Amino acid sequence: MTGQRRGAARRSGRRAGESGTKEEILAAARRKFADLGYDGATIRAIAAEAGVDPALVHHFYGSKEHLFAAAMQLPIIPSEVITAALTEARPAGSTMGEHAVRTALAVWESPPVYRSFLGLLRSAVTSEQAAAMLRQFVEQAILAPLARQASTDDPAEAEYRAAVVGSQMLGLALTRYVLQLGPVATADPEELAATIGPTIDRYLTGCTG
């Protein structure tokens, strides 16, 4: 009984050596995300896998999205980048869609992001399990903030518009970085923003004219 109580005490609260504990949480997160997908890998399940209190996971990483980004070695938080791109002041003459495409390309092609992002895309193409995990993450971390920018009060319509924006942007990423499709792979980001931006605007606003 005494040994059980001591074991329980070691599994809760902050453990000695914060850096080691954070790495154990990340390792547990990677296993749980791989086994259960993004939706199924709860903070509680990850904490249990790492042998710590869920409060400690929140202390180190805040939210599940932040933990996923850290576990996948993504140096950015997608929802924060998307929200900023769609709500911040844009350059004069630039539409919301153009600015979103320009921002996405700049983030994807930055040295800290490119390798991790390319790895996620390649995994999603070759593994059904990885595809499901990426799909769940995209739905919660990327499409949800996009839906809030759609020009409609209908939640279902907003979700649909966000999804088609996501299909456009993920299609761009796959053709540019994974398939490396000729002109798309070599096009200047400004050219892509000018070409694809109006389509993003149309998806978000629902305007066809």
C-alpha atoms as a PDB file:
ATOM      1  CA  MET A   1       0.000   0.000   0.000  1.00  0.00           C
ATOM      2  CA  THR A   2       2.781   2.386   0.929  1.00  0.00           C
ATOM      3  CA  GLY A   3       4.585   1.622  -2.321  1.00  0.00           C
ATOM      4  CA  GLN A   4       1.401   2.282  -4.282  1.00  0.00           C
ATOM      5  CA  ARG A   5       0.955   5.651  -2.602  1.00  0.00           C
ATOM      6  CA  ARG A   6       4.542   6.568  -3.359  1.00  0.00           C
ATOM      7  CA  GLY A   7       4.090   5.532  -6.981  1.00  0.00           C
ATOM      8  CA  ALA A   8       0.950   7.640  -7.236  1.00  0.00           C
ATOM      9  CA  ALA A   9       2.770  10.605  -5.748  1.00  0.00           C
ATOM     10  CA  ARG A  10       5.493  10.311  -8.351  1.00  0.00           C
ATOM     11  CA  ARG A  11       2.904  10.354 -11.127  1.00  0.00           C
ATOM     12  CA  SER A  12       1.290  13.665 -10.214  1.00  0.00           C
ATOM     13  CA  GLY A  13       2.409  17.248 -10.001  1.00  0.00           C
ATOM     14  CA  ARG A  14       5.739  18.578 -11.296  1.00  0.00           C
ATOM     15  CA  ARG A  15       8.544  16.056 -11.433  1.00  0.00           C
ATOM     16  CA  ALA A  16      12.220  16.784 -10.927  1.00  0.00           C
ATOM     17  CA  GLY A  17      14.040  17.953 -14.065  1.00  0.00           C
ATOM     18  CA  GLU A  18      11.670  20.060 -16.142  1.00  0.00           C
ATOM     19  CA  SER A  19      13.519  19.546 -19.435  1.00  0.00           C
ATOM     20  CA  GLY A  20      13.424  15.767 -19.023  1.00  0.00           C
ATOM     21  CA  THR A  21       9.756  15.840 -18.101  1.00  0.00           C
ATOM     22  CA  LYS A  22       8.879  17.982 -21.136  1.00  0.00           C
ATOM     23  CA  GLU A  23      10.679  15.537 -23.416  1.00  0.00           C
ATOM     24  CA  GLU A  24       8.816  12.614 -21.839  1.00  0.00           C
ATOM     25  CA  ILE A  25       5.526  14.414 -22.460  1.00  0.00           C
ATOM     26  CA  LEU A  26       6.490  15.053 -26.093  1.00  0.00           C
ATOM     27  CA  ALA A  27       7.457  11.410 -26.582  1.00  0.00           C
ATOM     28  CA  ALA A  28       4.151  10.307 -25.033  1.00  0.00           C
ATOM     29  CA  ALA A  29       2.281  12.784 -27.243  1.00  0.00           C
ATOM     30  CA  ARG A  30       3.910  11.428 -30.391  1.00  0.00           C
ATOM     31  CA  ARG A  31       2.922   7.882 -29.439  1.00  0.00           C
ATOM     32  CA  LYS A  32      -0.650   8.817 -28.597  1.00  0.00           C
ATOM     33  CA  PHE A  33      -1.135  10.981 -31.694  1.00  0.00           C
ATOM     34  CA  ALA A  34       0.176   8.091 -33.806  1.00  0.00           C
ATOM     35  CA  ASP A  35      -1.992   5.481 -32.047  1.00  0.00           C
ATOM     36  CA  LEU A  36      -5.210   7.439 -31.512  1.00  0.00           C
ATOM     37  CA  GLY A  37      -5.126  10.312 -34.011  1.00  0.00           C
ATOM     38  CA  TYR A  38      -5.462  13.980 -33.186  1.00  0.00           C
ATOM     39  CA  ASP A  39      -9.027  13.734 -31.871  1.00  0.00           C
ATOM     40  CA  GLY A  40      -8.489  10.605 -29.786  1.00  0.00           C
ATOM     41  CA  ALA A  41      -5.229  11.697 -28.170  1.00  0.00           C
ATOM     42  CA  THR A  42      -6.570  13.698 -25.242  1.00  0.00           C
ATOM     43  CA  ILE A  43      -4.417  15.667 -22.844  1.00  0.00           C
ATOM     44  CA  ARG A  44      -5.482  13.243 -20.110  1.00  0.00           C
ATOM     45  CA  ALA A  45      -4.396  10.216 -22.157  1.00  0.00           C
ATOM     46  CA  ILE A  46      -1.057  11.812 -23.016  1.00  0.00           C
ATOM     47  CA  ALA A  47      -0.466  12.734 -19.377  1.00  0.00           C
ATOM     48  CA  ALA A  48      -1.210   9.161 -18.297  1.00  0.00           C
ATOM     49  CA  GLU A  49       1.202   7.837 -20.912  1.00  0.00           C
ATOM     50  CA  ALA A  50       3.921  10.184 -19.620  1.00  0.00           C
ATOM     51  CA  GLY A  51       3.114   9.468 -15.973  1.00  0.00           C
ATOM     52  CA  VAL A  52       2.297  13.066 -15.042  1.00  0.00           C
ATOM     53  CA  ASP A  53      -0.714  15.083 -13.988  1.00  0.00           C
ATOM     54  CA  PRO A  54      -2.703  16.612 -16.905  1.00  0.00           C
ATOM     55  CA  ALA A  55      -2.199  20.012 -15.280  1.00  0.00           C
ATOM     56  CA  LEU A  56       1.519  19.677 -15.918  1.00  0.00           C
ATOM     57  CA  VAL A  57       0.911  19.123 -19.639  1.00  0.00           C
ATOM     58  CA  HIS A  58      -1.186  22.301 -19.715  1.00  0.00           C
ATOM     59  CA  HIS A  59       1.510  24.104 -17.738  1.00  0.00           C
ATOM     60  CA  PHE A  60       4.191  23.274 -20.293  1.00  0.00           C
ATOM     61  CA  TYR A  61       2.200  23.386 -23.529  1.00  0.00           C
ATOM     62  CA  GLY A  62      -1.102  25.148 -22.898  1.00  0.00           C
ATOM     63  CA  SER A  63      -3.419  23.518 -25.428  1.00  0.00           C
ATOM     64  CA  LYS A  64      -3.499  20.307 -27.438  1.00  0.00           C
ATOM     65  CA  GLU A  65      -2.751  22.289 -30.593  1.00  0.00           C
ATOM     66  CA  HIS A  66       0.403  23.721 -29.024  1.00  0.00           C
ATOM     67  CA  LEU A  67       1.400  20.246 -27.847  1.00  0.00           C
ATOM     68  CA  PHE A  68       0.828  18.780 -31.316  1.00  0.00           C
ATOM     69  CA  ALA A  69       2.921  21.532 -32.899  1.00  0.00           C
ATOM     70  CA  ALA A  70       5.733  20.850 -30.440  1.00  0.00           C
ATOM     71  CA  ALA A  71       5.505  17.075 -30.902  1.00  0.00           C
ATOM     72  CA  MET A  72       5.586  17.414 -34.694  1.00  0.00           C
ATOM     73  CA  GLN A  73       8.357  20.032 -34.408  1.00  0.00           C
ATOM     74  CA  LEU A  74       6.247  22.756 -35.982  1.00  0.00           C
ATOM     75  CA  PRO A  75       7.686  26.123 -34.896  1.00  0.00           C
ATOM     76  CA  ILE A  76       4.379  27.904 -35.510  1.00  0.00           C
ATOM     77  CA  ILE A  77       0.827  27.535 -34.211  1.00  0.00           C
ATOM     78  CA  PRO A  78      -1.345  27.215 -37.347  1.00  0.00           C
ATOM     79  CA  SER A  79      -4.535  28.710 -35.902  1.00  0.00           C
ATOM     80  CA  GLU A  80      -2.654  31.786 -34.704  1.00  0.00           C
ATOM     81  CA  VAL A  81      -0.985  32.295 -38.087  1.00  0.00           C
ATOM     82  CA  ILE A  82      -4.250  31.821 -39.992  1.00  0.00           C
ATOM     83  CA  THR A  83      -6.189  34.180 -37.719  1.00  0.00           C
ATOM     84  CA  ALA A  84      -3.493  36.848 -37.959  1.00  0.00           C
ATOM     85  CA  ALA A  85      -3.316  36.554 -41.748  1.00  0.00           C
ATOM     86  CA  LEU A  86      -7.072  36.975 -42.118  1.00  0.00           C
ATOM     87  CA  THR A  87      -7.604  39.748 -39.584  1.00  0.00           C
ATOM     88  CA  GLU A  88      -4.466  41.888 -39.550  1.00  0.00           C
ATOM     89  CA  ALA A  89      -4.042  44.978 -41.691  1.00  0.00           C
ATOM     90  CA  ARG A  90      -3.203  44.004 -45.264  1.00  0.00           C
ATOM     91  CA  PRO A  91      -0.938  45.804 -47.744  1.00  0.00           C
ATOM     92  CA  ALA A  92      -2.788  48.391 -49.817  1.00  0.00           C
ATOM     93  CA  GLY A  93      -4.545  46.801 -52.782  1.00  0.00           C
ATOM     94  CA  SER A  94      -4.211  43.270 -51.416  1.00  0.00           C
ATOM     95  CA  THR A  95      -7.350  41.201 -50.860  1.00  0.00           C
ATOM     96  CA  MET A  96      -7.872  38.853 -47.927  1.00  0.00           C
ATOM     97  CA  GLY A  97      -7.325  35.829 -50.166  1.00  0.00           C
ATOM     98  CA  GLU A  98      -4.122  37.171 -51.679  1.00  0.00           C
ATOM     99  CA  HIS A  99      -2.760  38.028 -48.266  1.00  0.00           C
ATOM    100  CA  ALA A 100      -3.671  34.568 -46.934  1.00  0.00           C
ATOM    101  CA  VAL A 101      -1.882  32.797 -49.804  1.00  0.00           C
ATOM    102  CA  ARG A 102       1.146  35.063 -49.527  1.00  0.00           C
ATOM    103  CA  THR A 103       1.356  34.505 -45.770  1.00  0.00           C
ATOM    104  CA  ALA A 104       0.936  30.723 -46.056  1.00  0.00           C
ATOM    105  CA  LEU A 105       3.705  30.450 -48.638  1.00  0.00           C
ATOM    106  CA  ALA A 106       6.037  32.596 -46.549  1.00  0.00           C
ATOM    107  CA  VAL A 107       5.417  30.406 -43.488  1.00  0.00           C
ATOM    108  CA  TRP A 108       5.671  27.096 -45.349  1.00  0.00           C
ATOM    109  CA  GLU A 109       8.912  28.066 -47.063  1.00  0.00           C
ATOM    110  CA  SER A 110      10.658  29.495 -44.020  1.00  0.00           C
ATOM    111  CA  PRO A 111      13.615  27.277 -43.001  1.00  0.00           C
ATOM    112  CA  PRO A 112      12.251  26.414 -39.509  1.00  0.00           C
ATOM    113  CA  VAL A 113       8.927  25.178 -40.928  1.00  0.00           C
ATOM    114  CA  TYR A 114       9.674  23.666 -44.320  1.00  0.00           C
ATOM    115  CA  ARG A 115      11.167  20.310 -43.278  1.00  0.00           C
ATOM    116  CA  SER A 116       8.490  19.510 -40.673  1.00  0.00           C
ATOM    117  CA  PHE A 117       5.660  20.639 -42.949  1.00  0.00           C
ATOM    118  CA  LEU A 118       6.983  18.594 -45.867  1.00  0.00           C
ATOM    119  CA  GLY A 119       7.285  15.553 -43.601  1.00  0.00           C
ATOM    120  CA  LEU A 120       3.658  15.872 -42.519  1.00  0.00           C
ATOM    121  CA  LEU A 121       2.463  16.185 -46.120  1.00  0.00           C
ATOM    122  CA  ARG A 122       4.471  13.176 -47.286  1.00  0.00           C
ATOM    123  CA  SER A 123       3.268  11.082 -44.357  1.00  0.00           C
ATOM    124  CA  ALA A 124      -0.350  11.993 -45.093  1.00  0.00           C
ATOM    125  CA  VAL A 125       0.062  10.866 -48.709  1.00  0.00           C
ATOM    126  CA  THR A 126       1.598   7.488 -47.849  1.00  0.00           C
ATOM    127  CA  SER A 127      -0.142   6.552 -44.591  1.00  0.00           C
ATOM    128  CA  GLU A 128      -3.879   6.377 -43.956  1.00  0.00           C
ATOM    129  CA  GLN A 129      -3.248   6.791 -40.233  1.00  0.00           C
ATOM    130  CA  ALA A 130      -1.118   9.889 -40.783  1.00  0.00           C
ATOM    131  CA  ALA A 131      -3.723  11.261 -43.197  1.00  0.00           C
ATOM    132  CA  ALA A 132      -6.459  10.855 -40.580  1.00  0.00           C
ATOM    133  CA  MET A 133      -4.361  12.587 -37.933  1.00  0.00           C
ATOM    134  CA  LEU A 134      -3.490  15.488 -40.250  1.00  0.00           C
ATOM    135  CA  ARG A 135      -7.125  15.779 -41.369  1.00  0.00           C
ATOM    136  CA  GLN A 136      -8.373  16.022 -37.775  1.00  0.00           C
ATOM    137  CA  PHE A 137      -5.703  18.580 -36.932  1.00  0.00           C
ATOM    138  CA  VAL A 138      -6.498  20.675 -40.010  1.00  0.00           C
ATOM    139  CA  GLU A 139     -10.216  20.599 -39.193  1.00  0.00           C
ATOM    140  CA  GLN A 140      -9.724  21.885 -35.651  1.00  0.00           C
ATOM    141  CA  ALA A 141      -6.681  24.147 -35.950  1.00  0.00           C
ATOM    142  CA  ILE A 142      -7.049  25.591 -39.449  1.00  0.00           C
ATOM    143  CA  LEU A 143     -10.579  25.215 -40.791  1.00  0.00           C
ATOM    144  CA  ALA A 144     -12.239  26.399 -37.572  1.00  0.00           C
ATOM    145  CA  PRO A 145     -10.580  29.852 -37.643  1.00  0.00           C
ATOM    146  CA  LEU A 146     -11.221  30.048 -41.388  1.00  0.00           C
ATOM    147  CA  ALA A 147     -14.913  29.344 -40.854  1.00  0.00           C
ATOM    148  CA  ARG A 148     -15.136  32.324 -38.497  1.00  0.00           C
ATOM    149  CA  GLN A 149     -14.070  34.571 -41.385  1.00  0.00           C
ATOM    150  CA  ALA A 150     -16.715  33.316 -43.823  1.00  0.00           C
ATOM    151  CA  SER A 151     -19.386  35.847 -44.747  1.00  0.00           C
ATOM    152  CA  THR A 152     -22.377  33.855 -43.531  1.00  0.00           C
ATOM    153  CA  ASP A 153     -24.351  33.303 -40.343  1.00  0.00           C
ATOM    154  CA  ASP A 154     -25.046  29.679 -41.256  1.00  0.00           C
ATOM    155  CA  PRO A 155     -22.545  27.451 -39.376  1.00  0.00           C
ATOM    156  CA  ALA A 156     -22.852  24.647 -41.922  1.00  0.00           C
ATOM    157  CA  GLU A 157     -22.217  27.026 -44.795  1.00  0.00           C
ATOM    158  CA  ALA A 158     -19.240  28.556 -42.977  1.00  0.00           C
ATOM    159  CA  GLU A 159     -17.796  25.084 -42.371  1.00  0.00           C
ATOM    160  CA  TYR A 160     -18.244  24.199 -46.047  1.00  0.00           C
ATOM    161  CA  ARG A 161     -16.561  27.388 -47.241  1.00  0.00           C
ATOM    162  CA  ALA A 162     -13.658  26.851 -44.875  1.00  0.00           C
ATOM    163  CA  ALA A 163     -13.270  23.277 -46.136  1.00  0.00           C
ATOM    164  CA  VAL A 164     -13.017  24.337 -49.771  1.00  0.00           C
ATOM    165  CA  VAL A 165     -10.451  26.977 -48.802  1.00  0.00           C
ATOM    166  CA  GLY A 166      -8.546  24.199 -47.043  1.00  0.00           C
ATOM    167  CA  SER A 167      -8.760  21.998 -50.141  1.00  0.00           C
ATOM    168  CA  GLN A 168      -7.329  24.811 -52.248  1.00  0.00           C
ATOM    169  CA  MET A 169      -4.464  25.538 -49.879  1.00  0.00           C
ATOM    170  CA  LEU A 170      -3.561  21.890 -49.208  1.00  0.00           C
ATOM    171  CA  GLY A 171      -3.734  21.239 -52.944  1.00  0.00           C
ATOM    172  CA  LEU A 172      -1.299  24.092 -53.483  1.00  0.00           C
ATOM    173  CA  ALA A 173       1.042  22.698 -50.839  1.00  0.00           C
ATOM    174  CA  LEU A 174       0.965  19.171 -52.290  1.00  0.00           C
ATOM    175  CA  THR A 175       1.519  20.258 -55.882  1.00  0.00           C
ATOM    176  CA  ARG A 176       4.253  22.758 -54.992  1.00  0.00           C
ATOM    177  CA  TYR A 177       6.237  20.778 -52.410  1.00  0.00           C
ATOM    178  CA  VAL A 178       5.435  17.059 -52.734  1.00  0.00           C
ATOM    179  CA  LEU A 179       4.563  16.545 -56.414  1.00  0.00           C
ATOM    180  CA  GLN A 180       6.636  19.582 -57.445  1.00  0.00           C
ATOM    181  CA  LEU A 181       4.350  20.158 -60.404  1.00  0.00           C
ATOM    182  CA  GLY A 182       6.294  22.238 -62.949  1.00  0.00           C
ATOM    183  CA  PRO A 183       5.072  25.832 -63.068  1.00  0.00           C
ATOM    184  CA  VAL A 184       3.401  25.635 -59.648  1.00  0.00           C
ATOM    185  CA  ALA A 185       6.641  24.480 -58.010  1.00  0.00           C
ATOM    186  CA  THR A 186       8.685  27.245 -59.611  1.00  0.00           C
ATOM    187  CA  ALA A 187       6.165  30.111 -59.574  1.00  0.00           C
ATOM    188  CA  ASP A 188       6.933  33.237 -57.597  1.00  0.00           C
ATOM    189  CA  PRO A 189       4.818  33.492 -54.409  1.00  0.00           C
ATOM    190  CA  GLU A 190       3.418  36.833 -55.564  1.00  0.00           C
ATOM    191  CA  GLU A 191       2.249  35.240 -58.801  1.00  0.00           C
ATOM    192  CA  LEU A 192       0.535  32.437 -56.905  1.00  0.00           C
ATOM    193  CA  ALA A 193      -1.088  34.913 -54.520  1.00  0.00           C
ATOM    194  CA  ALA A 194      -2.455  36.914 -57.439  1.00  0.00           C
ATOM    195  CA  THR A 195      -3.764  33.773 -59.162  1.00  0.00           C
ATOM    196  CA  ILE A 196      -5.209  31.846 -56.216  1.00  0.00           C
ATOM    197  CA  GLY A 197      -6.143  34.752 -53.925  1.00  0.00           C
ATOM    198  CA  PRO A 198      -9.356  35.695 -55.795  1.00  0.00           C
ATOM    199  CA  THR A 199     -10.552  32.073 -55.525  1.00  0.00           C
ATOM    200  CA  ILE A 200      -9.986  32.143 -51.759  1.00  0.00           C
ATOM    201  CA  ASP A 201     -11.938  35.412 -51.567  1.00  0.00           C
ATOM    202  CA  ARG A 202     -14.806  33.863 -53.512  1.00  0.00           C
ATOM    203  CA  TYR A 203     -14.886  30.824 -51.251  1.00  0.00           C
ATOM    204  CA  LEU A 204     -14.963  32.942 -48.100  1.00  0.00           C
ATOM    205  CA  THR A 205     -17.546  35.446 -49.307  1.00  0.00           C
ATOM    206  CA  GLY A 206     -19.717  33.183 -51.435  1.00  0.00           C
ATOM    207  CA  CYS A 207     -19.674  35.782 -54.220  1.00  0.00           C
ATOM    208  CA  THR A 208     -19.561  34.318 -57.714  1.00  0.00           C
ATOM    209  CA  GLY A 209     -19.331  37.528 -59.654  1.00  0.00           C
END
